[in-house]
């Protein structure tokens, strides 16, 4: 998904549980981004495919 949080754009997976909402990176070196109760969080789009050479 394409998300907007605190003035920055991200392409991440979205995880929603009873306890939290967060953005998860496919690259493990990046920590999850907690978005629960963040008023700036917006979903801007959904990624439906990728291009490769």
C-alpha atoms as a PDB file:
ATOM      1  CA  UNK A   1       0.000   0.000   0.000  1.00  0.00           C
ATOM      2  CA  UNK A   2       1.050   3.594  -0.418  1.00  0.00           C
ATOM      3  CA  UNK A   3       0.709   5.477   2.860  1.00  0.00           C
ATOM      4  CA  UNK A   4       1.285   9.032   4.029  1.00  0.00           C
ATOM      5  CA  UNK A   5       2.502   9.561   7.628  1.00  0.00           C
ATOM      6  CA  UNK A   6       3.915  12.716   9.226  1.00  0.00           C
ATOM      7  CA  UNK A   7       4.633  14.386   5.878  1.00  0.00           C
ATOM      8  CA  UNK A   8       6.370  11.373   4.314  1.00  0.00           C
ATOM      9  CA  UNK A   9       5.198   8.754   1.802  1.00  0.00           C
ATOM     10  CA  UNK A  10       5.839   5.023   2.191  1.00  0.00           C
ATOM     11  CA  UNK A  11       5.222   1.830   0.239  1.00  0.00           C
ATOM     12  CA  UNK A  12       4.635  -0.788   2.942  1.00  0.00           C
ATOM     13  CA  UNK A  13       2.423  -3.649   3.993  1.00  0.00           C
ATOM     14  CA  UNK A  14      -0.389  -2.675   6.357  1.00  0.00           C
ATOM     15  CA  UNK A  15      -0.968  -4.747   9.489  1.00  0.00           C
ATOM     16  CA  UNK A  16      -4.122  -4.249  11.541  1.00  0.00           C
ATOM     17  CA  UNK A  17      -4.802  -6.237  14.726  1.00  0.00           C
ATOM     18  CA  UNK A  18      -6.995  -5.676  17.755  1.00  0.00           C
ATOM     19  CA  UNK A  19      -4.016  -4.087  19.534  1.00  0.00           C
ATOM     20  CA  UNK A  20      -2.325  -1.986  16.853  1.00  0.00           C
ATOM     21  CA  UNK A  21      -2.113  -0.665  13.294  1.00  0.00           C
ATOM     22  CA  UNK A  22       1.303  -0.437  11.685  1.00  0.00           C
ATOM     23  CA  UNK A  23       3.200  -0.303   8.428  1.00  0.00           C
ATOM     24  CA  UNK A  24       5.614  -3.183   7.793  1.00  0.00           C
ATOM     25  CA  UNK A  25       8.608  -2.950   5.455  1.00  0.00           C
ATOM     26  CA  UNK A  26       9.606  -5.912   3.293  1.00  0.00           C
ATOM     27  CA  UNK A  27      13.210  -4.965   4.096  1.00  0.00           C
ATOM     28  CA  UNK A  28      13.881  -6.193   7.647  1.00  0.00           C
ATOM     29  CA  UNK A  29      16.434  -3.455   8.353  1.00  0.00           C
ATOM     30  CA  UNK A  30      13.547  -0.966   8.688  1.00  0.00           C
ATOM     31  CA  UNK A  31      11.455  -1.046  11.856  1.00  0.00           C
ATOM     32  CA  UNK A  32       7.646  -1.088  11.642  1.00  0.00           C
ATOM     33  CA  UNK A  33       5.918   2.294  11.763  1.00  0.00           C
ATOM     34  CA  UNK A  34       3.099   2.499  14.307  1.00  0.00           C
ATOM     35  CA  UNK A  35       0.165   4.469  12.862  1.00  0.00           C
ATOM     36  CA  UNK A  36      -2.529   3.802  15.466  1.00  0.00           C
ATOM     37  CA  UNK A  37      -3.888   7.121  16.772  1.00  0.00           C
ATOM     38  CA  UNK A  38      -1.720   9.130  14.340  1.00  0.00           C
ATOM     39  CA  UNK A  39      -3.990  11.801  12.804  1.00  0.00           C
ATOM     40  CA  UNK A  40      -1.632  12.345   9.852  1.00  0.00           C
ATOM     41  CA  UNK A  41      -1.885   8.695   8.649  1.00  0.00           C
ATOM     42  CA  UNK A  42      -3.613   8.313   5.286  1.00  0.00           C
ATOM     43  CA  UNK A  43      -3.818   5.477   2.772  1.00  0.00           C
ATOM     44  CA  UNK A  44      -3.128   6.999  -0.637  1.00  0.00           C
ATOM     45  CA  UNK A  45      -3.248   3.895  -2.841  1.00  0.00           C
ATOM     46  CA  UNK A  46      -2.827   0.167  -3.266  1.00  0.00           C
ATOM     47  CA  UNK A  47       0.102  -1.417  -5.131  1.00  0.00           C
ATOM     48  CA  UNK A  48      -1.236  -3.968  -7.605  1.00  0.00           C
ATOM     49  CA  UNK A  49       1.972  -5.047  -9.325  1.00  0.00           C
ATOM     50  CA  UNK A  50       5.650  -4.410  -9.927  1.00  0.00           C
ATOM     51  CA  UNK A  51       7.838  -3.773 -12.958  1.00  0.00           C
ATOM     52  CA  UNK A  52      11.184  -5.436 -13.451  1.00  0.00           C
ATOM     53  CA  UNK A  53      13.779  -5.417 -16.201  1.00  0.00           C
END
